Amino acid sequence: QVQLQESGPGLVKPSQTLSLTCTVSGGSITTGYYYWSWIRQPPGKGLEWIGYINPSGVPFYMPSLRSRTSISRDTSKNQVTLQLSSVTPEDTAVYYCTRSPRAPVVARAPNREVGSWGQGTQVTVSS
């Protein structure tokens, strides 16, 4: 059974770059036909898409975050990474890594019932 584990700094200063890693166990990130997504949930708000990387390794980013976001995969480490630059306090959230067998429907809010999810990691942006 695949397991996803997010890791990264819990505290980031404004204007810095947030870097998170999703380490995958129980299966290769290049085996099968899966989409690897990053999702976040700000305090008091719902889940929101950040972006994903498709089975061919091509990333997709939500338009509102595209200019600040980079999602990539490291097949040698079996990891998917997220970088979010120029962070502000509005980027404070719990960040999740997910795997799904279908392309994410980004016009709808993420659904916890779809695919496999990591436990999430809290990131706070504060000076």
Foldseek 3Di string as FASTA:
>chain_A
DKAWAKDFDQEAEAQAKGKIKIQIPPDFLLPAWKKKFKWWAAPPGAIAGAWIAGNVFRIDGDPVQVVFWDWGADRVRRMIMIMGGRDDQVPFTWMKMFMANDDDPRVDGDDPVGGDIHPTGTHGYHD
